[in-house]
C-alpha cells in the first residue's frame, strides 16, 4: 500500500497497476495515432500488419505468462524453481522456432499481406524470442502479485517503442515499416527489465505435476490461438481481401474500436492470481468474476455509446479527416469488441479454475467469425456485421455455460 500525502487514502498495488495499465493503453493508442497521421492510410496499412502481428505474438506468449502466474501461486519454492527452469527452456525454444518462421517465410508473408517490404518481417522475426522471455518474467511478477514490477515492464516497453519508433520512421522514411519493426525489437530488449533472479535447482518435477503443467499449457495455448483468431484475423483478412487504402482505413477503425478489449485486459491480469488463490483457500470465486464483469460492462457500455454518438469527431481527433470514411462503422465495431471482452473474461475465469470446456466454446466462436468473413466480405460494413453476429453467439454461449457449470 502507498499513502498519498495530505490525503487519508492508501492506494493498493493492484490499483496502481490498473492506473499504469490505463497509461500503457493510452500510450499505445498515441503510438498508433501518430503512425496513422504520419504515414497516411496506405503506408499505415503495412505498419498495422506489424502491429497486428505483435498482438498475435502477445497472445501466443500470454500462454507462458498465464501458465507461469498460475503455477507460481500453486507450487512450493522447490517446485517453482524446477518449473521455471522447464518453462524458460520451452519458451526459448518456441520463440526461436516462431522467429525462424518469420525470417524464412518473409517473402511469403510479403505476398500474402501485399506489403512493400520483405525486410520488415525478417526484423520482426529476430525479435520474437525476446517476447517469450519477457512474458515468463512478467508471469513470475503476476503470480507473486508484484504488480509494481509488472507495471514497470509494461511502461518500459510502451515508452521505448513510442519514442524509438518515431525516431526510426524519420530515419527509414522511404521504408517506414522497417523502422516500426526495429522499434518493436528494441523495445522488447529494454522491456526485459526489471528482471527476476531465479536460482538453479536440481531434480525433476513430480510426474503428476508435470502432466498438469503440460495440460494447462496446451489448453491455454489452444485458447490463445482462438484469441488470435477472434482479435486479429479480421485485420489480416481485410489486408488480404481489400486494397491498401481500405485496409488502412479498417486498421484505424480496429485500433479505435478495440479500446474496450485492451482496458479489459488489465482486469484479467489481476483476476487470474486472485481466483487461483481463492480456490486454493476454498473460498467462493464467483464474487470476483461478478465484480469484474460489472466493471467491464460499464466500461464497454460507455465506450460503445460514445462511438455511436460521436463517431466522426472521434475519428477526426484520433486519425484525421483522411479516415472519416469508416466513422459510421465505429459504433458497430466497438459493440462487437465489447461483447468479446466480456466473453473473454468468462474463459479466463474458468482457465484460472482449471476448467477447460469454455476454451472450446471460444474456439467455435473464432472459427465462426473467420468462416463468416471468408464467405461474406463484399465491403467493410459486411465484415463488421459478421463479427457482431459471431460475438453475440459467443457471449450467449459463455453465459449459458457459466450458468450450467456454477449454479
Protein backbone atom coordinates (compact mmCIF):
# COMPACT_ATOMS: atom_id res chain seq x y z
CA UNK A 1 0.00 0.00 0.00
CA UNK A 2 1.18 3.52 -0.79
CA UNK A 3 -0.12 6.52 1.14
CA UNK A 4 -0.91 9.77 -0.66
CA UNK A 5 0.47 12.81 1.24
CA UNK A 6 -2.16 15.15 2.78
CA UNK A 7 -4.95 12.70 1.82
CA UNK A 8 -6.20 9.98 4.16
CA UNK A 9 -6.19 7.30 1.44
CA UNK A 10 -3.92 4.43 0.56
CA UNK A 11 -3.52 3.08 -2.97
CA UNK A 12 -3.04 -0.66 -3.26
CA UNK A 13 -0.52 -2.15 -5.65
CA UNK A 14 -3.41 -3.58 -7.67
CA UNK A 15 -4.91 -0.10 -8.09
CA UNK A 16 -1.52 1.29 -9.10
CA UNK A 17 -1.21 -1.47 -11.69
CA UNK A 18 -4.64 -0.59 -13.09
CA UNK A 19 -3.64 3.08 -13.34
CA UNK A 20 -0.41 2.03 -15.01
CA UNK A 21 -2.34 -0.21 -17.42
CA UNK A 22 -4.56 2.72 -18.37
CA UNK A 23 -1.46 4.80 -19.08
CA UNK A 24 0.08 1.97 -21.13
CA UNK A 25 -3.09 1.62 -23.18
CA UNK A 26 -3.22 5.37 -23.69
CA UNK A 27 0.43 5.34 -24.77
CA UNK A 28 -0.19 2.50 -27.22
CA UNK A 29 -3.08 4.46 -28.67
CA UNK A 30 -0.91 7.56 -29.05
CA UNK A 31 1.65 5.33 -30.77
CA UNK A 32 -0.93 4.09 -33.26
CA UNK A 33 -2.44 7.53 -33.79
CA UNK A 34 0.97 9.05 -34.54
CA UNK A 35 1.69 6.28 -37.04
CA UNK A 36 -1.70 6.78 -38.69
CA UNK A 37 -1.25 10.53 -39.04
CA UNK A 38 2.39 10.42 -40.17
CA UNK A 39 2.02 7.59 -42.68
CA UNK A 40 -1.47 8.04 -44.14
CA UNK A 41 -3.92 5.17 -44.89
CA UNK A 42 -1.84 3.24 -47.45
CA UNK A 43 1.51 3.21 -45.62
CA UNK A 44 -0.30 2.75 -42.31
CA UNK A 45 -1.78 -0.50 -43.66
CA UNK A 46 1.75 -2.01 -43.72
CA UNK A 47 2.58 -0.70 -40.24
CA UNK A 48 -0.77 -2.05 -38.99
CA UNK A 49 0.23 -5.53 -40.15
CA UNK A 50 3.28 -5.38 -37.88
CA UNK A 51 1.19 -4.04 -35.00
CA UNK A 52 -1.30 -6.86 -35.56
CA UNK A 53 1.48 -9.45 -35.69
CA UNK A 54 2.79 -8.03 -32.41
CA UNK A 55 -0.68 -8.57 -30.91
CA UNK A 56 -0.72 -12.10 -32.31
CA UNK A 57 2.68 -12.67 -30.70
CA UNK A 58 1.43 -11.25 -27.40
CA UNK A 59 -1.42 -13.76 -27.36
CA UNK A 60 0.95 -16.64 -28.13
CA UNK A 61 3.36 -15.54 -25.40
CA UNK A 62 0.45 -14.99 -22.99
CA UNK A 63 0.26 -18.77 -22.68
CA UNK A 64 3.60 -18.64 -20.89
CA UNK A 65 2.71 -15.61 -18.79
CA UNK A 66 -0.59 -17.05 -17.55
CA UNK A 67 0.87 -20.52 -17.01
CA UNK A 68 3.79 -19.11 -15.07
CA UNK A 69 1.50 -16.92 -12.96
CA UNK A 70 -0.86 -19.79 -12.12
CA UNK A 71 1.77 -22.32 -11.07
CA UNK A 72 3.86 -19.81 -9.14
CA UNK A 73 0.79 -19.43 -6.89
CA UNK A 74 0.15 -23.18 -6.60
CA UNK A 75 3.70 -24.54 -6.15
CA UNK A 76 6.08 -24.58 -3.22
CA UNK A 77 9.53 -22.96 -3.52
CA UNK A 78 11.41 -26.04 -4.76
CA UNK A 79 8.70 -26.90 -7.29
CA UNK A 80 8.71 -23.31 -8.53
CA UNK A 81 12.44 -23.43 -9.28
CA UNK A 82 12.13 -26.68 -11.25
CA UNK A 83 9.04 -25.38 -13.04
CA UNK A 84 10.68 -22.09 -14.03
CA UNK A 85 13.73 -23.87 -15.44
CA UNK A 86 11.47 -26.03 -17.59
CA UNK A 87 9.22 -23.19 -18.73
CA UNK A 88 12.11 -20.91 -19.66
CA UNK A 89 13.53 -23.69 -21.81
CA UNK A 90 10.16 -24.23 -23.53
CA UNK A 91 9.67 -20.51 -24.09
CA UNK A 92 13.12 -20.01 -25.60
CA UNK A 93 12.75 -22.94 -27.99
CA UNK A 94 9.28 -21.92 -29.18
CA UNK A 95 10.37 -18.29 -29.53
CA UNK A 96 13.27 -19.22 -31.79
CA UNK A 97 11.08 -21.57 -33.82
CA UNK A 98 8.40 -18.93 -34.47
CA UNK A 99 11.02 -16.26 -35.14
CA UNK A 100 12.71 -18.50 -37.70
CA UNK A 101 9.35 -18.96 -39.47
CA UNK A 102 9.04 -15.19 -39.97
CA UNK A 103 12.60 -14.95 -41.29
CA UNK A 104 12.44 -17.98 -43.59
CA UNK A 105 8.99 -17.25 -45.00
CA UNK A 106 9.32 -13.44 -45.11
CA UNK A 107 8.76 -13.36 -48.88
CA UNK A 108 5.56 -15.39 -48.49
CA UNK A 109 4.31 -13.01 -45.79
CA UNK A 110 5.02 -10.09 -48.10
CA UNK A 111 2.99 -11.71 -50.88
CA UNK A 112 0.02 -12.73 -48.71
CA UNK A 113 -0.31 -9.35 -46.97
CA UNK A 114 0.63 -7.28 -50.02
CA UNK A 115 3.29 -5.21 -48.22
CA UNK A 116 6.01 -3.07 -49.77
CA UNK A 117 8.79 -4.56 -47.65
CA UNK A 118 10.02 -8.10 -47.04
CA UNK A 119 12.72 -6.97 -44.61
CA UNK A 120 10.14 -5.84 -42.05
CA UNK A 121 9.16 -9.49 -41.45
CA UNK A 122 12.82 -10.52 -41.09
CA UNK A 123 13.45 -7.83 -38.45
CA UNK A 124 10.22 -8.75 -36.66
CA UNK A 125 11.18 -12.45 -36.65
CA UNK A 126 14.51 -11.70 -34.98
CA UNK A 127 12.73 -10.05 -32.05
CA UNK A 128 10.17 -12.85 -31.47
CA UNK A 129 12.23 -14.91 -28.93
CA UNK A 130 12.56 -11.81 -26.73
CA UNK A 131 8.80 -11.64 -26.28
CA UNK A 132 8.60 -15.13 -24.80
CA UNK A 133 11.43 -14.49 -22.33
CA UNK A 134 9.77 -11.23 -21.32
CA UNK A 135 6.37 -12.89 -20.85
CA UNK A 136 7.74 -15.55 -18.48
CA UNK A 137 9.39 -12.78 -16.46
CA UNK A 138 6.03 -10.98 -16.30
CA UNK A 139 4.27 -14.21 -15.28
CA UNK A 140 6.52 -14.51 -12.22
CA UNK A 141 5.65 -10.96 -11.15
CA UNK A 142 1.95 -11.60 -11.82
CA UNK A 143 1.86 -14.86 -9.85
CA UNK A 144 3.64 -13.24 -6.90
CA UNK A 145 1.22 -10.30 -7.22
CA UNK A 146 4.21 -7.97 -7.50
CA UNK A 147 2.13 -5.52 -9.51
CA UNK A 148 4.64 -2.66 -9.31
CA UNK A 149 7.38 -4.64 -11.06
CA UNK A 150 4.84 -5.98 -13.55
CA UNK A 151 3.70 -2.43 -14.31
CA UNK A 152 7.30 -1.29 -14.84
CA UNK A 153 7.90 -3.85 -17.61
CA UNK A 154 4.81 -2.65 -19.49
CA UNK A 155 5.74 1.00 -19.03
CA UNK A 156 9.27 0.44 -20.32
CA UNK A 157 8.01 -1.46 -23.36
CA UNK A 158 5.39 1.15 -24.24
CA UNK A 159 7.53 4.29 -23.81
CA UNK A 160 10.60 2.87 -25.55
CA UNK A 161 8.53 1.66 -28.52
CA UNK A 162 6.78 5.02 -28.79
CA UNK A 163 9.96 7.11 -28.76
CA UNK A 164 12.22 4.79 -30.75
CA UNK A 165 9.67 4.09 -33.49
CA UNK A 166 9.09 7.78 -34.19
CA UNK A 167 12.85 8.35 -34.47
CA UNK A 168 13.31 5.29 -36.69
CA UNK A 169 10.45 6.25 -39.03
CA UNK A 170 12.30 9.50 -39.69
CA UNK A 171 15.48 7.51 -40.35
CA UNK A 172 13.74 4.97 -42.62
CA UNK A 173 11.32 7.44 -44.22
CA UNK A 174 11.32 5.54 -47.55
CA UNK A 175 10.56 2.20 -45.82
CA UNK A 176 8.73 3.24 -42.61
CA UNK A 177 7.56 -0.31 -41.86
CA UNK A 178 11.19 -1.35 -41.30
CA UNK A 179 11.54 1.49 -38.78
CA UNK A 180 8.43 0.21 -36.99
CA UNK A 181 9.86 -3.33 -36.89
CA UNK A 182 13.21 -2.18 -35.47
CA UNK A 183 11.41 -0.03 -32.89
CA UNK A 184 9.39 -3.06 -31.76
CA UNK A 185 12.55 -5.17 -31.43
CA UNK A 186 14.46 -2.57 -29.41
CA UNK A 187 11.51 -2.01 -27.07
CA UNK A 188 11.40 -5.76 -26.33
CA UNK A 189 15.08 -5.70 -25.39
CA UNK A 190 14.50 -2.86 -22.92
CA UNK A 191 11.32 -4.48 -21.53
CA UNK A 192 13.35 -7.43 -20.17
CA UNK A 193 13.84 -5.25 -17.07
CA UNK A 194 13.20 -5.33 -14.17
CA UNK A 195 14.42 -8.92 -14.27
CA UNK A 196 13.53 -11.73 -11.88
CA UNK A 197 16.52 -13.50 -10.37
CA UNK A 198 15.77 -17.20 -10.02
CA UNK A 199 18.09 -19.81 -8.53
CA UNK A 200 19.03 -23.03 -10.24
CA UNK A 201 17.57 -26.28 -8.97
CA UNK A 202 18.34 -29.93 -9.47
CA UNK A 203 15.84 -32.71 -9.98
CA UNK A 204 12.59 -33.15 -11.89
CA UNK A 205 9.00 -32.09 -11.33
CA UNK A 206 6.70 -34.74 -9.93
CA UNK A 207 5.16 -36.75 -12.79
CA UNK A 208 1.60 -35.81 -11.84
CA UNK A 209 2.50 -32.13 -11.50
CA UNK A 210 4.44 -32.20 -14.76
CA UNK A 211 1.37 -33.62 -16.53
CA UNK A 212 -0.83 -30.90 -15.00
CA UNK A 213 1.60 -28.21 -16.23
CA UNK A 214 1.67 -29.67 -19.73
CA UNK A 215 -2.13 -29.95 -19.89
CA UNK A 216 -2.62 -26.36 -18.74
CA UNK A 217 -0.11 -25.02 -21.25
CA UNK A 218 -1.59 -26.97 -24.13
CA UNK A 219 -5.13 -25.85 -23.31
CA UNK A 220 -4.05 -22.25 -22.74
CA UNK A 221 -2.08 -22.25 -25.99
CA UNK A 222 -5.17 -23.53 -27.74
CA UNK A 223 -7.23 -20.75 -26.17
CA UNK A 224 -4.72 -18.05 -27.04
CA UNK A 225 -4.96 -19.39 -30.59
CA UNK A 226 -8.69 -18.69 -30.51
CA UNK A 227 -7.89 -15.21 -29.17
CA UNK A 228 -5.69 -14.67 -32.20
CA UNK A 229 -8.48 -15.85 -34.49
CA UNK A 230 -11.06 -13.55 -32.95
CA UNK A 231 -9.00 -10.47 -32.18
CA UNK A 232 -6.69 -10.27 -35.19
CA UNK A 233 -7.97 -12.36 -38.09
CA UNK A 234 -10.27 -9.58 -39.29
CA UNK A 235 -7.38 -7.14 -39.89
CA UNK A 236 -5.29 -9.80 -41.61
CA UNK A 237 -8.18 -10.90 -43.84
CA UNK A 238 -9.13 -7.33 -44.73
CA UNK A 239 -5.49 -6.70 -45.71
CA UNK A 240 -5.72 -9.77 -47.95
CA UNK A 241 -9.17 -9.18 -49.49
CA UNK A 242 -9.16 -5.37 -49.84
CA UNK A 243 -6.80 -2.80 -51.34
CA UNK A 244 -4.20 -0.91 -49.28
CA UNK A 245 -6.37 2.17 -48.74
CA UNK A 246 -9.39 0.27 -47.44
CA UNK A 247 -7.12 -1.92 -45.30
CA UNK A 248 -5.57 1.20 -43.77
CA UNK A 249 -8.99 2.68 -43.06
CA UNK A 250 -10.11 -0.56 -41.44
CA UNK A 251 -6.94 -0.73 -39.34
CA UNK A 252 -7.71 2.70 -37.89
CA UNK A 253 -11.26 1.57 -37.13
CA UNK A 254 -9.99 -1.54 -35.35
CA UNK A 255 -7.47 0.36 -33.25
CA UNK A 256 -10.10 2.78 -32.00
CA UNK A 257 -12.85 0.19 -31.54
CA UNK A 258 -10.70 -2.19 -29.51
CA UNK A 259 -10.21 0.22 -26.63
CA UNK A 260 -12.69 -1.84 -24.56
CA UNK A 261 -10.71 -5.03 -25.01
CA UNK A 262 -7.34 -3.51 -24.17
CA UNK A 263 -8.63 -1.87 -20.99
CA UNK A 264 -10.42 -5.12 -20.03
CA UNK A 265 -7.03 -6.85 -20.25
CA UNK A 266 -5.85 -5.18 -17.04
CA UNK A 267 -8.71 -6.81 -15.13
CA UNK A 268 -7.64 -10.21 -16.46
CA UNK A 269 -4.10 -9.62 -15.15
CA UNK A 270 -5.49 -9.14 -11.64
CA UNK A 271 -8.31 -11.70 -11.91
CA UNK A 272 -6.20 -14.81 -12.58
CA UNK A 273 -3.91 -14.94 -9.50
CA UNK A 274 -6.75 -13.81 -7.19
CA UNK A 275 -9.11 -16.55 -8.43
CA UNK A 276 -6.37 -19.21 -8.18
CA UNK A 277 -5.54 -18.15 -4.62
CA UNK A 278 -9.20 -18.08 -3.52
CA UNK A 279 -9.81 -21.54 -4.97
CA UNK A 280 -6.67 -22.80 -3.20
CA UNK A 281 -8.07 -21.44 0.09
CA UNK A 282 -11.54 -22.93 -0.52
CA UNK A 283 -13.24 -19.51 -0.90
CA UNK A 284 -16.05 -18.50 -3.28
CA UNK A 285 -14.56 -17.29 -6.58
CA UNK A 286 -17.77 -16.15 -8.30
CA UNK A 287 -17.92 -12.81 -6.50
CA UNK A 288 -14.61 -11.79 -8.10
CA UNK A 289 -15.97 -12.65 -11.54
CA UNK A 290 -19.21 -10.71 -10.95
CA UNK A 291 -17.19 -7.71 -9.77
CA UNK A 292 -15.02 -7.60 -12.89
CA UNK A 293 -17.90 -8.31 -15.26
CA UNK A 294 -19.60 -5.27 -13.73
CA UNK A 295 -16.53 -3.11 -14.28
CA UNK A 296 -16.07 -4.21 -17.89
CA UNK A 297 -19.77 -3.95 -18.73
CA UNK A 298 -19.94 -0.35 -17.51
CA UNK A 299 -16.75 0.49 -19.36
CA UNK A 300 -17.94 -1.22 -22.56
CA UNK A 301 -21.35 0.46 -22.46
CA UNK A 302 -19.72 3.88 -22.05
CA UNK A 303 -17.29 3.39 -24.94
CA UNK A 304 -19.92 1.90 -27.26
CA UNK A 305 -22.38 4.74 -26.56
CA UNK A 306 -19.68 7.33 -27.23
CA UNK A 307 -18.72 5.64 -30.51
CA UNK A 308 -22.34 5.65 -31.68
CA UNK A 309 -22.98 9.26 -30.61
CA UNK A 310 -19.85 10.96 -31.97
CA UNK A 311 -18.03 8.66 -34.41
CA UNK A 312 -16.89 11.40 -36.81
CA UNK A 313 -15.49 13.52 -34.00
CA UNK A 314 -13.56 10.56 -32.56
CA UNK A 315 -12.09 9.52 -35.92
CA UNK A 316 -11.14 13.11 -36.80
CA UNK A 317 -9.42 13.72 -33.45
CA UNK A 318 -7.57 10.42 -33.46
CA UNK A 319 -6.62 9.87 -37.10
CA UNK A 320 -7.69 12.93 -39.06
CA UNK A 321 -10.14 13.62 -41.88
CA UNK A 322 -8.43 11.14 -44.24
CA UNK A 323 -10.03 8.32 -42.23
CA UNK A 324 -13.58 9.73 -41.94
CA UNK A 325 -14.95 7.22 -44.44
CA UNK A 326 -15.13 4.48 -41.76
CA UNK A 327 -16.61 6.64 -38.99
CA UNK A 328 -20.08 5.11 -39.41
CA UNK A 329 -18.65 1.68 -38.56
CA UNK A 330 -17.01 2.74 -35.29
CA UNK A 331 -20.05 2.11 -33.08
CA UNK A 332 -20.85 -1.35 -34.53
CA UNK A 333 -17.18 -2.38 -34.28
CA UNK A 334 -16.98 -1.25 -30.65
CA UNK A 335 -20.15 -3.27 -29.94
CA UNK A 336 -18.52 -6.45 -31.29
CA UNK A 337 -15.36 -5.80 -29.28
CA UNK A 338 -17.29 -5.09 -26.08
CA UNK A 339 -19.12 -8.41 -26.28
CA UNK A 340 -15.85 -10.21 -26.92
CA UNK A 341 -14.21 -8.57 -23.89
CA UNK A 342 -16.97 -9.83 -21.59
CA UNK A 343 -16.98 -13.32 -23.14
CA UNK A 344 -13.20 -13.40 -22.75
CA UNK A 345 -13.44 -12.76 -19.01
CA UNK A 346 -15.57 -15.89 -18.56
CA UNK A 347 -12.93 -18.01 -20.31
CA UNK A 348 -10.03 -16.67 -18.26
CA UNK A 349 -12.08 -17.26 -15.11
CA UNK A 350 -12.56 -20.93 -15.99
CA UNK A 351 -8.90 -21.26 -17.00
CA UNK A 352 -7.93 -19.96 -13.56
CA UNK A 353 -10.04 -22.74 -12.03
CA UNK A 354 -8.51 -25.38 -14.29
CA UNK A 355 -11.76 -25.89 -16.24
CA UNK A 356 -11.26 -26.00 -19.99
CA UNK A 357 -14.59 -26.52 -21.78
CA UNK A 358 -15.04 -22.75 -22.08
CA UNK A 359 -11.91 -22.69 -24.27
CA UNK A 360 -13.58 -24.87 -26.88
CA UNK A 361 -16.61 -22.58 -26.90
CA UNK A 362 -14.28 -19.68 -27.73
CA UNK A 363 -12.64 -21.72 -30.48
CA UNK A 364 -16.02 -22.31 -32.11
CA UNK A 365 -16.71 -18.55 -31.87
CA UNK A 366 -13.39 -17.71 -33.52
CA UNK A 367 -13.87 -20.30 -36.26
CA UNK A 368 -17.37 -18.96 -36.90
CA UNK A 369 -16.10 -15.38 -37.22
CA UNK A 370 -13.42 -16.36 -39.73
CA UNK A 371 -15.84 -18.50 -41.74
CA UNK A 372 -18.42 -15.73 -41.96
CA UNK A 373 -15.82 -13.18 -43.13
CA UNK A 374 -14.30 -15.60 -45.66
CA UNK A 375 -17.67 -16.13 -47.31
CA UNK A 376 -19.19 -12.68 -46.71
CA UNK A 377 -16.80 -9.76 -47.30
CA UNK A 378 -18.41 -7.69 -50.04
CA UNK A 379 -17.48 -4.49 -48.19
CA UNK A 380 -16.20 -3.35 -44.79
CA UNK A 381 -19.75 -2.98 -43.45
CA UNK A 382 -20.39 -6.67 -44.02
CA UNK A 383 -17.09 -7.61 -42.36
CA UNK A 384 -18.04 -5.70 -39.19
CA UNK A 385 -21.56 -7.13 -39.01
CA UNK A 386 -20.26 -10.69 -39.39
CA UNK A 387 -18.17 -10.03 -36.26
CA UNK A 388 -21.18 -8.70 -34.35
CA UNK A 389 -23.16 -11.84 -35.19
CA UNK A 390 -20.38 -14.21 -34.14
CA UNK A 391 -19.68 -12.31 -30.88
CA UNK A 392 -23.39 -12.29 -29.90
CA UNK A 393 -23.44 -16.07 -30.25
CA UNK A 394 -20.12 -16.46 -28.38
CA UNK A 395 -21.22 -14.32 -25.42
CA UNK A 396 -24.56 -16.12 -25.12
CA UNK A 397 -22.80 -19.49 -25.20
CA UNK A 398 -20.35 -18.45 -22.46
CA UNK A 399 -23.13 -17.13 -20.22
CA UNK A 400 -25.18 -20.31 -20.63
CA UNK A 401 -22.10 -22.44 -19.89
CA UNK A 402 -21.38 -20.43 -16.73
CA UNK A 403 -24.98 -20.78 -15.52
CA UNK A 404 -24.91 -24.54 -16.15
CA UNK A 405 -21.48 -25.04 -14.50
CA UNK A 406 -21.56 -22.71 -11.50
CA UNK A 407 -25.22 -22.80 -10.41
